Amino acid sequence: MNIFSLLFMEILYRPIFNVMVIFLAIFGGNLGIAIILLTVITRLAMIKQTSIGNDMQKGMGDLQPKLQEIQEKYKDDPKQLSAETMKVFKTHGK
């Protein structure tokens, strides 16, 4: 067994499996309820990251017109295009 398989098993799979077994014991072997509860807990644990990702996506959408303007202005100068794009990202904190 290689190191990646071992890490996957020990860090991700085994804890989730153990939580599933606990839920099965609590709910009398009802697999459906255990899966739903595990899904809800996972969603709640990831809600902050999901919110951050959505905010970043919205921010990038707001920057699109400015980036397209820069691309049109510097379409023949890739070095200047890159510099101006980085400047926009720095000023908007992305």
PDB file of N, CA and C in Angstrom:
ATOM      1  N   MET A   1       0.850  -1.172   0.000  1.00  0.00           N
ATOM      2  CA  MET A   1       0.000   0.000   0.000  1.00  0.00           C
ATOM      3  C   MET A   1       0.901   1.243   0.000  1.00  0.00           C
ATOM      4  N   ASN A   2       0.658   2.129  -0.957  1.00  0.00           N
ATOM      5  CA  ASN A   2       1.517   3.313  -1.019  1.00  0.00           C
ATOM      6  C   ASN A   2       1.074   4.370  -0.005  1.00  0.00           C
ATOM      7  N   ILE A   3       1.867   5.401   0.123  1.00  0.00           N
ATOM      8  CA  ILE A   3       1.654   6.414   1.157  1.00  0.00           C
ATOM      9  C   ILE A   3       0.359   7.193   0.938  1.00  0.00           C
ATOM     10  N   PHE A   4      -0.004   7.442  -0.332  1.00  0.00           N
ATOM     11  CA  PHE A   4      -1.221   8.203  -0.607  1.00  0.00           C
ATOM     12  C   PHE A   4      -2.469   7.418  -0.222  1.00  0.00           C
ATOM     13  N   SER A   5      -2.456   6.133  -0.498  1.00  0.00           N
ATOM     14  CA  SER A   5      -3.585   5.288  -0.099  1.00  0.00           C
ATOM     15  C   SER A   5      -3.708   5.251   1.415  1.00  0.00           C
ATOM     16  N   LEU A   6      -2.588   5.135   2.077  1.00  0.00           N
ATOM     17  CA  LEU A   6      -2.588   5.089   3.535  1.00  0.00           C
ATOM     18  C   LEU A   6      -3.117   6.399   4.126  1.00  0.00           C
ATOM     19  N   LEU A   7      -2.649   7.528   3.593  1.00  0.00           N
ATOM     20  CA  LEU A   7      -3.125   8.822   4.077  1.00  0.00           C
ATOM     21  C   LEU A   7      -4.619   8.993   3.828  1.00  0.00           C
ATOM     22  N   PHE A   8      -5.075   8.594   2.647  1.00  0.00           N
ATOM     23  CA  PHE A   8      -6.497   8.689   2.333  1.00  0.00           C
ATOM     24  C   PHE A   8      -7.321   7.867   3.317  1.00  0.00           C
ATOM     25  N   MET A   9      -6.875   6.651   3.567  1.00  0.00           N
ATOM     26  CA  MET A   9      -7.607   5.757   4.465  1.00  0.00           C
ATOM     27  C   MET A   9      -7.640   6.309   5.889  1.00  0.00           C
ATOM     28  N   GLU A  10      -6.511   6.753   6.386  1.00  0.00           N
ATOM     29  CA  GLU A  10      -6.420   7.149   7.790  1.00  0.00           C
ATOM     30  C   GLU A  10      -6.983   8.538   8.071  1.00  0.00           C
ATOM     31  N   ILE A  11      -6.854   9.462   7.134  1.00  0.00           N
ATOM     32  CA  ILE A  11      -7.273  10.835   7.385  1.00  0.00           C
ATOM     33  C   ILE A  11      -8.708  11.096   6.946  1.00  0.00           C
ATOM     34  N   LEU A  12      -9.128  10.507   5.850  1.00  0.00           N
ATOM     35  CA  LEU A  12     -10.444  10.829   5.310  1.00  0.00           C
ATOM     36  C   LEU A  12     -11.451   9.699   5.492  1.00  0.00           C
ATOM     37  N   TYR A  13     -11.132   8.529   5.001  1.00  0.00           N
ATOM     38  CA  TYR A  13     -12.100   7.438   4.959  1.00  0.00           C
ATOM     39  C   TYR A  13     -12.453   6.897   6.340  1.00  0.00           C
ATOM     40  N   ARG A  14     -11.466   6.564   7.118  1.00  0.00           N
ATOM     41  CA  ARG A  14     -11.722   5.904   8.403  1.00  0.00           C
ATOM     42  C   ARG A  14     -12.539   6.770   9.378  1.00  0.00           C
ATOM     43  N   PRO A  15     -12.240   8.057   9.553  1.00  0.00           N
ATOM     44  CA  PRO A  15     -13.084   8.866  10.452  1.00  0.00           C
ATOM     45  C   PRO A  15     -14.534   8.975   9.971  1.00  0.00           C
ATOM     46  N   ILE A  16     -14.724   9.140   8.673  1.00  0.00           N
ATOM     47  CA  ILE A  16     -16.085   9.216   8.143  1.00  0.00           C
ATOM     48  C   ILE A  16     -16.801   7.888   8.342  1.00  0.00           C
ATOM     49  N   PHE A  17     -16.105   6.800   8.097  1.00  0.00           N
ATOM     50  CA  PHE A  17     -16.684   5.473   8.305  1.00  0.00           C
ATOM     51  C   PHE A  17     -17.068   5.273   9.771  1.00  0.00           C
ATOM     52  N   ASN A  18     -16.205   5.694  10.687  1.00  0.00           N
ATOM     53  CA  ASN A  18     -16.501   5.552  12.116  1.00  0.00           C
ATOM     54  C   ASN A  18     -17.724   6.368  12.529  1.00  0.00           C
ATOM     55  N   VAL A  19     -17.846   7.578  11.994  1.00  0.00           N
ATOM     56  CA  VAL A  19     -19.027   8.397  12.284  1.00  0.00           C
ATOM     57  C   VAL A  19     -20.279   7.712  11.746  1.00  0.00           C
ATOM     58  N   MET A  20     -20.174   7.134  10.554  1.00  0.00           N
ATOM     59  CA  MET A  20     -21.313   6.425   9.966  1.00  0.00           C
ATOM     60  C   MET A  20     -21.717   5.236  10.842  1.00  0.00           C
ATOM     61  N   VAL A  21     -20.761   4.500  11.355  1.00  0.00           N
ATOM     62  CA  VAL A  21     -21.055   3.357  12.231  1.00  0.00           C
ATOM     63  C   VAL A  21     -21.737   3.836  13.514  1.00  0.00           C
ATOM     64  N   ILE A  22     -21.282   4.948  14.064  1.00  0.00           N
ATOM     65  CA  ILE A  22     -21.909   5.504  15.271  1.00  0.00           C
ATOM     66  C   ILE A  22     -23.361   5.887  14.988  1.00  0.00           C
ATOM     67  N   PHE A  23     -23.589   6.560  13.851  1.00  0.00           N
ATOM     68  CA  PHE A  23     -24.959   6.938  13.496  1.00  0.00           C
ATOM     69  C   PHE A  23     -25.837   5.708  13.286  1.00  0.00           C
ATOM     70  N   LEU A  24     -25.285   4.676  12.673  1.00  0.00           N
ATOM     71  CA  LEU A  24     -26.046   3.436  12.488  1.00  0.00           C
ATOM     72  C   LEU A  24     -26.430   2.834  13.834  1.00  0.00           C
ATOM     73  N   ALA A  25     -25.521   2.872  14.786  1.00  0.00           N
ATOM     74  CA  ALA A  25     -25.819   2.327  16.113  1.00  0.00           C
ATOM     75  C   ALA A  25     -26.881   3.166  16.820  1.00  0.00           C
ATOM     76  N   ILE A  26     -26.798   4.476  16.681  1.00  0.00           N
ATOM     77  CA  ILE A  26     -27.759   5.366  17.343  1.00  0.00           C
ATOM     78  C   ILE A  26     -29.158   5.201  16.759  1.00  0.00           C
ATOM     79  N   PHE A  27     -29.249   5.103  15.436  1.00  0.00           N
ATOM     80  CA  PHE A  27     -30.553   5.056  14.769  1.00  0.00           C
ATOM     81  C   PHE A  27     -31.003   3.640  14.430  1.00  0.00           C
ATOM     82  N   GLY A  28     -30.488   2.662  15.116  1.00  0.00           N
ATOM     83  CA  GLY A  28     -30.964   1.294  14.988  1.00  0.00           C
ATOM     84  C   GLY A  28     -30.719   0.658  13.634  1.00  0.00           C
ATOM     85  N   GLY A  29     -29.626   1.001  12.992  1.00  0.00           N
ATOM     86  CA  GLY A  29     -29.275   0.381  11.722  1.00  0.00           C
ATOM     87  C   GLY A  29     -29.941   1.001  10.507  1.00  0.00           C
ATOM     88  N   ASN A  30     -30.605   2.139  10.676  1.00  0.00           N
ATOM     89  CA  ASN A  30     -31.259   2.806   9.556  1.00  0.00           C
ATOM     90  C   ASN A  30     -30.206   3.575   8.755  1.00  0.00           C
ATOM     91  N   LEU A  31     -29.786   2.993   7.644  1.00  0.00           N
ATOM     92  CA  LEU A  31     -28.713   3.561   6.831  1.00  0.00           C
ATOM     93  C   LEU A  31     -29.118   4.890   6.198  1.00  0.00           C
ATOM     94  N   GLY A  32     -30.372   5.026   5.815  1.00  0.00           N
ATOM     95  CA  GLY A  32     -30.845   6.265   5.190  1.00  0.00           C
ATOM     96  C   GLY A  32     -30.682   7.465   6.099  1.00  0.00           C
ATOM     97  N   ILE A  33     -31.111   7.327   7.337  1.00  0.00           N
ATOM     98  CA  ILE A  33     -30.985   8.434   8.298  1.00  0.00           C
ATOM     99  C   ILE A  33     -29.511   8.734   8.571  1.00  0.00           C
ATOM    100  N   ALA A  34     -28.697   7.698   8.671  1.00  0.00           N
ATOM    101  CA  ALA A  34     -27.264   7.899   8.927  1.00  0.00           C
ATOM    102  C   ALA A  34     -26.615   8.675   7.787  1.00  0.00           C
ATOM    103  N   ILE A  35     -26.952   8.337   6.549  1.00  0.00           N
ATOM    104  CA  ILE A  35     -26.376   9.037   5.388  1.00  0.00           C
ATOM    105  C   ILE A  35     -26.845  10.485   5.351  1.00  0.00           C
ATOM    106  N   ILE A  36     -28.130  10.706   5.578  1.00  0.00           N
ATOM    107  CA  ILE A  36     -28.662  12.073   5.563  1.00  0.00           C
ATOM    108  C   ILE A  36     -28.009  12.915   6.651  1.00  0.00           C
ATOM    109  N   LEU A  37     -27.893  12.377   7.842  1.00  0.00           N
ATOM    110  CA  LEU A  37     -27.276  13.116   8.946  1.00  0.00           C
ATOM    111  C   LEU A  37     -25.803  13.417   8.667  1.00  0.00           C
ATOM    112  N   LEU A  38     -25.077  12.452   8.121  1.00  0.00           N
ATOM    113  CA  LEU A  38     -23.672  12.674   7.768  1.00  0.00           C
ATOM    114  C   LEU A  38     -23.548  13.747   6.682  1.00  0.00           C
ATOM    115  N   THR A  39     -24.471  13.738   5.724  1.00  0.00           N
ATOM    116  CA  THR A  39     -24.470  14.748   4.668  1.00  0.00           C
ATOM    117  C   THR A  39     -24.725  16.140   5.243  1.00  0.00           C
ATOM    118  N   VAL A  40     -25.691  16.257   6.133  1.00  0.00           N
ATOM    119  CA  VAL A  40     -26.004  17.554   6.746  1.00  0.00           C
ATOM    120  C   VAL A  40     -24.808  18.072   7.545  1.00  0.00           C
ATOM    121  N   ILE A  41     -24.182  17.208   8.308  1.00  0.00           N
ATOM    122  CA  ILE A  41     -23.017  17.619   9.101  1.00  0.00           C
ATOM    123  C   ILE A  41     -21.869  18.057   8.190  1.00  0.00           C
ATOM    124  N   THR A  42     -21.655  17.332   7.102  1.00  0.00           N
ATOM    125  CA  THR A  42     -20.603  17.696   6.150  1.00  0.00           C
ATOM    126  C   THR A  42     -20.895  19.050   5.522  1.00  0.00           C
ATOM    127  N   ARG A  43     -22.151  19.271   5.127  1.00  0.00           N
ATOM    128  CA  ARG A  43     -22.534  20.557   4.542  1.00  0.00           C
ATOM    129  C   ARG A  43     -22.319  21.707   5.529  1.00  0.00           C
ATOM    130  N   LEU A  44     -22.707  21.489   6.773  1.00  0.00           N
ATOM    131  CA  LEU A  44     -22.524  22.529   7.786  1.00  0.00           C
ATOM    132  C   LEU A  44     -21.043  22.816   8.030  1.00  0.00           C
ATOM    133  N   ALA A  45     -20.224  21.789   7.974  1.00  0.00           N
ATOM    134  CA  ALA A  45     -18.785  21.977   8.171  1.00  0.00           C
ATOM    135  C   ALA A  45     -18.159  22.753   7.015  1.00  0.00           C
ATOM    136  N   MET A  46     -18.739  22.638   5.820  1.00  0.00           N
ATOM    137  CA  MET A  46     -18.167  23.277   4.636  1.00  0.00           C
ATOM    138  C   MET A  46     -18.833  24.609   4.283  1.00  0.00           C
ATOM    139  N   ILE A  47     -19.794  25.060   5.079  1.00  0.00           N
ATOM    140  CA  ILE A  47     -20.558  26.246   4.708  1.00  0.00           C
ATOM    141  C   ILE A  47     -19.687  27.506   4.617  1.00  0.00           C
ATOM    142  N   LYS A  48     -18.719  27.653   5.496  1.00  0.00           N
ATOM    143  CA  LYS A  48     -17.848  28.837   5.469  1.00  0.00           C
ATOM    144  C   LYS A  48     -17.019  28.871   4.181  1.00  0.00           C
ATOM    145  N   GLN A  49     -16.426  27.728   3.815  1.00  0.00           N
ATOM    146  CA  GLN A  49     -15.626  27.668   2.599  1.00  0.00           C
ATOM    147  C   GLN A  49     -16.496  27.903   1.361  1.00  0.00           C
ATOM    148  N   THR A  50     -17.708  27.381   1.378  1.00  0.00           N
ATOM    149  CA  THR A  50     -18.617  27.583   0.254  1.00  0.00           C
ATOM    150  C   THR A  50     -18.961  29.057   0.110  1.00  0.00           C
ATOM    151  N   SER A  51     -19.207  29.714   1.228  1.00  0.00           N
ATOM    152  CA  SER A  51     -19.531  31.137   1.215  1.00  0.00           C
ATOM    153  C   SER A  51     -18.359  31.965   0.681  1.00  0.00           C
ATOM    154  N   ILE A  52     -17.163  31.637   1.115  1.00  0.00           N
ATOM    155  CA  ILE A  52     -15.969  32.346   0.637  1.00  0.00           C
ATOM    156  C   ILE A  52     -15.805  32.159  -0.866  1.00  0.00           C
ATOM    157  N   GLY A  53     -15.989  30.942  -1.335  1.00  0.00           N
ATOM    158  CA  GLY A  53     -15.878  30.667  -2.766  1.00  0.00           C
ATOM    159  C   GLY A  53     -16.912  31.423  -3.579  1.00  0.00           C
ATOM    160  N   ASN A  54     -18.138  31.487  -3.076  1.00  0.00           N
ATOM    161  CA  ASN A  54     -19.192  32.226  -3.775  1.00  0.00           C
ATOM    162  C   ASN A  54     -18.885  33.715  -3.828  1.00  0.00           C
ATOM    163  N   ASP A  55     -18.369  34.261  -2.732  1.00  0.00           N
ATOM    164  CA  ASP A  55     -18.007  35.679  -2.706  1.00  0.00           C
ATOM    165  C   ASP A  55     -16.883  35.981  -3.699  1.00  0.00           C
ATOM    166  N   MET A  56     -15.901  35.093  -3.761  1.00  0.00           N
ATOM    167  CA  MET A  56     -14.796  35.297  -4.705  1.00  0.00           C
ATOM    168  C   MET A  56     -15.290  35.224  -6.143  1.00  0.00           C
ATOM    169  N   GLN A  57     -16.200  34.302  -6.412  1.00  0.00           N
ATOM    170  CA  GLN A  57     -16.743  34.163  -7.762  1.00  0.00           C
ATOM    171  C   GLN A  57     -17.524  35.419  -8.149  1.00  0.00           C
ATOM    172  N   LYS A  58     -18.292  35.960  -7.222  1.00  0.00           N
ATOM    173  CA  LYS A  58     -19.031  37.188  -7.486  1.00  0.00           C
ATOM    174  C   LYS A  58     -18.064  38.346  -7.732  1.00  0.00           C
ATOM    175  N   GLY A  59     -17.007  38.420  -6.934  1.00  0.00           N
ATOM    176  CA  GLY A  59     -16.010  39.471  -7.111  1.00  0.00           C
ATOM    177  C   GLY A  59     -15.324  39.393  -8.466  1.00  0.00           C
ATOM    178  N   MET A  60     -15.037  38.174  -8.911  1.00  0.00           N
ATOM    179  CA  MET A  60     -14.419  38.009 -10.231  1.00  0.00           C
ATOM    180  C   MET A  60     -15.391  38.428 -11.329  1.00  0.00           C
ATOM    181  N   GLY A  61     -16.664  38.167 -11.136  1.00  0.00           N
ATOM    182  CA  GLY A  61     -17.669  38.600 -12.107  1.00  0.00           C
ATOM    183  C   GLY A  61     -17.729  40.114 -12.207  1.00  0.00           C
ATOM    184  N   ASP A  62     -17.544  40.780 -11.079  1.00  0.00           N
ATOM    185  CA  ASP A  62     -17.538  42.242 -11.075  1.00  0.00           C
ATOM    186  C   ASP A  62     -16.297  42.802 -11.772  1.00  0.00           C
ATOM    187  N   LEU A  63     -15.197  42.046 -11.758  1.00  0.00           N
ATOM    188  CA  LEU A  63     -13.950  42.503 -12.387  1.00  0.00           C
ATOM    189  C   LEU A  63     -13.895  42.210 -13.887  1.00  0.00           C
ATOM    190  N   GLN A  64     -14.764  41.349 -14.370  1.00  0.00           N
ATOM    191  CA  GLN A  64     -14.696  40.932 -15.774  1.00  0.00           C
ATOM    192  C   GLN A  64     -14.683  42.094 -16.764  1.00  0.00           C
ATOM    193  N   PRO A  65     -15.553  43.101 -16.635  1.00  0.00           N
ATOM    194  CA  PRO A  65     -15.503  44.202 -17.608  1.00  0.00           C
ATOM    195  C   PRO A  65     -14.144  44.908 -17.627  1.00  0.00           C
ATOM    196  N   LYS A  66     -13.570  45.126 -16.447  1.00  0.00           N
ATOM    197  CA  LYS A  66     -12.257  45.787 -16.368  1.00  0.00           C
ATOM    198  C   LYS A  66     -11.181  44.920 -17.016  1.00  0.00           C
ATOM    199  N   LEU A  67     -11.227  43.604 -16.773  1.00  0.00           N
ATOM    200  CA  LEU A  67     -10.235  42.700 -17.361  1.00  0.00           C
ATOM    201  C   LEU A  67     -10.378  42.633 -18.881  1.00  0.00           C
ATOM    202  N   GLN A  68     -11.607  42.643 -19.374  1.00  0.00           N
ATOM    203  CA  GLN A  68     -11.812  42.631 -20.827  1.00  0.00           C
ATOM    204  C   GLN A  68     -11.300  43.918 -21.462  1.00  0.00           C
ATOM    205  N   GLU A  69     -11.495  45.022 -20.771  1.00  0.00           N
ATOM    206  CA  GLU A  69     -10.985  46.301 -21.262  1.00  0.00           C
ATOM    207  C   GLU A  69      -9.457  46.267 -21.365  1.00  0.00           C
ATOM    208  N   ILE A  70      -8.812  45.715 -20.352  1.00  0.00           N
ATOM    209  CA  ILE A  70      -7.350  45.598 -20.356  1.00  0.00           C
ATOM    210  C   ILE A  70      -6.893  44.670 -21.475  1.00  0.00           C
ATOM    211  N   GLN A  71      -7.608  43.565 -21.688  1.00  0.00           N
ATOM    212  CA  GLN A  71      -7.237  42.628 -22.753  1.00  0.00           C
ATOM    213  C   GLN A  71      -7.329  43.283 -24.123  1.00  0.00           C
ATOM    214  N   GLU A  72      -8.356  44.091 -24.337  1.00  0.00           N
ATOM    215  CA  GLU A  72      -8.483  44.789 -25.615  1.00  0.00           C
ATOM    216  C   GLU A  72      -7.372  45.824 -25.788  1.00  0.00           C
ATOM    217  N   LYS A  73      -7.055  46.529 -24.713  1.00  0.00           N
ATOM    218  CA  LYS A  73      -6.064  47.600 -24.787  1.00  0.00           C
ATOM    219  C   LYS A  73      -4.657  47.059 -25.038  1.00  0.00           C
ATOM    220  N   TYR A  74      -4.310  45.933 -24.398  1.00  0.00           N
ATOM    221  CA  TYR A  74      -2.952  45.398 -24.474  1.00  0.00           C
ATOM    222  C   TYR A  74      -2.901  44.042 -25.177  1.00  0.00           C
ATOM    223  N   LYS A  75      -3.750  43.814 -26.174  1.00  0.00           N
ATOM    224  CA  LYS A  75      -3.788  42.503 -26.828  1.00  0.00           C
ATOM    225  C   LYS A  75      -2.496  42.179 -27.579  1.00  0.00           C
ATOM    226  N   ASP A  76      -1.725  43.191 -27.954  1.00  0.00           N
ATOM    227  CA  ASP A  76      -0.481  42.948 -28.686  1.00  0.00           C
ATOM    228  C   ASP A  76       0.753  42.937 -27.778  1.00  0.00           C
ATOM    229  N   ASP A  77       0.574  43.224 -26.502  1.00  0.00           N
ATOM    230  CA  ASP A  77       1.697  43.283 -25.566  1.00  0.00           C
ATOM    231  C   ASP A  77       1.408  42.397 -24.346  1.00  0.00           C
ATOM    232  N   PRO A  78       1.754  41.101 -24.433  1.00  0.00           N
ATOM    233  CA  PRO A  78       1.418  40.177 -23.340  1.00  0.00           C
ATOM    234  C   PRO A  78       2.066  40.536 -22.002  1.00  0.00           C
ATOM    235  N   LYS A  79       3.259  41.109 -22.049  1.00  0.00           N
ATOM    236  CA  LYS A  79       3.939  41.475 -20.805  1.00  0.00           C
ATOM    237  C   LYS A  79       3.179  42.591 -20.084  1.00  0.00           C
ATOM    238  N   GLN A  80       2.782  43.605 -20.825  1.00  0.00           N
ATOM    239  CA  GLN A  80       2.025  44.716 -20.245  1.00  0.00           C
ATOM    240  C   GLN A  80       0.635  44.245 -19.806  1.00  0.00           C
ATOM    241  N   LEU A  81       0.041  43.337 -20.585  1.00  0.00           N
ATOM    242  CA  LEU A  81      -1.263  42.768 -20.230  1.00  0.00           C
ATOM    243  C   LEU A  81      -1.191  42.060 -18.883  1.00  0.00           C
ATOM    244  N   SER A  82      -0.149  41.273 -18.706  1.00  0.00           N
ATOM    245  CA  SER A  82       0.039  40.555 -17.445  1.00  0.00           C
ATOM    246  C   SER A  82       0.236  41.527 -16.285  1.00  0.00           C
ATOM    247  N   ALA A  83       1.034  42.553 -16.504  1.00  0.00           N
ATOM    248  CA  ALA A  83       1.303  43.534 -15.448  1.00  0.00           C
ATOM    249  C   ALA A  83       0.030  44.281 -15.052  1.00  0.00           C
ATOM    250  N   GLU A  84      -0.745  44.698 -16.033  1.00  0.00           N
ATOM    251  CA  GLU A  84      -1.980  45.430 -15.744  1.00  0.00           C
ATOM    252  C   GLU A  84      -3.014  44.532 -15.065  1.00  0.00           C
ATOM    253  N   THR A  85      -3.074  43.282 -15.484  1.00  0.00           N
ATOM    254  CA  THR A  85      -3.997  42.331 -14.859  1.00  0.00           C
ATOM    255  C   THR A  85      -3.629  42.130 -13.398  1.00  0.00           C
ATOM    256  N   MET A  86      -2.349  41.961 -13.114  1.00  0.00           N
ATOM    257  CA  MET A  86      -1.904  41.796 -11.730  1.00  0.00           C
ATOM    258  C   MET A  86      -2.196  43.053 -10.906  1.00  0.00           C
ATOM    259  N   LYS A  87      -2.060  44.211 -11.530  1.00  0.00           N
ATOM    260  CA  LYS A  87      -2.342  45.460 -10.835  1.00  0.00           C
ATOM    261  C   LYS A  87      -3.823  45.531 -10.439  1.00  0.00           C
ATOM    262  N   VAL A  88      -4.703  45.104 -11.343  1.00  0.00           N
ATOM    263  CA  VAL A  88      -6.137  45.089 -11.037  1.00  0.00           C
ATOM    264  C   VAL A  88      -6.420  44.131  -9.888  1.00  0.00           C
ATOM    265  N   PHE A  89      -5.818  42.942  -9.921  1.00  0.00           N
ATOM    266  CA  PHE A  89      -6.037  41.966  -8.852  1.00  0.00           C
ATOM    267  C   PHE A  89      -5.524  42.482  -7.510  1.00  0.00           C
ATOM    268  N   LYS A  90      -4.391  43.182  -7.522  1.00  0.00           N
ATOM    269  CA  LYS A  90      -3.844  43.721  -6.270  1.00  0.00           C
ATOM    270  C   LYS A  90      -4.734  44.820  -5.703  1.00  0.00           C
ATOM    271  N   THR A  91      -5.243  45.690  -6.570  1.00  0.00           N
ATOM    272  CA  THR A  91      -6.076  46.791  -6.079  1.00  0.00           C
ATOM    273  C   THR A  91      -7.417  46.297  -5.553  1.00  0.00           C
ATOM    274  N   HIS A  92      -7.899  45.181  -6.083  1.00  0.00           N
ATOM    275  CA  HIS A  92      -9.195  44.652  -5.642  1.00  0.00           C
ATOM    276  C   HIS A  92      -9.051  43.511  -4.649  1.00  0.00           C
ATOM    277  N   GLY A  93      -7.838  43.181  -4.258  1.00  0.00           N
ATOM    278  CA  GLY A  93      -7.607  42.196  -3.211  1.00  0.00           C
ATOM    279  C   GLY A  93      -7.957  40.775  -3.577  1.00  0.00           C
ATOM    280  N   LYS A  94      -7.823  40.408  -4.804  1.00  0.00           N
ATOM    281  CA  LYS A  94      -8.147  39.040  -5.239  1.00  0.00           C
ATOM    282  C   LYS A  94      -6.892  38.233  -5.390  1.00  0.00           C
TER     283      LYS A  94
END
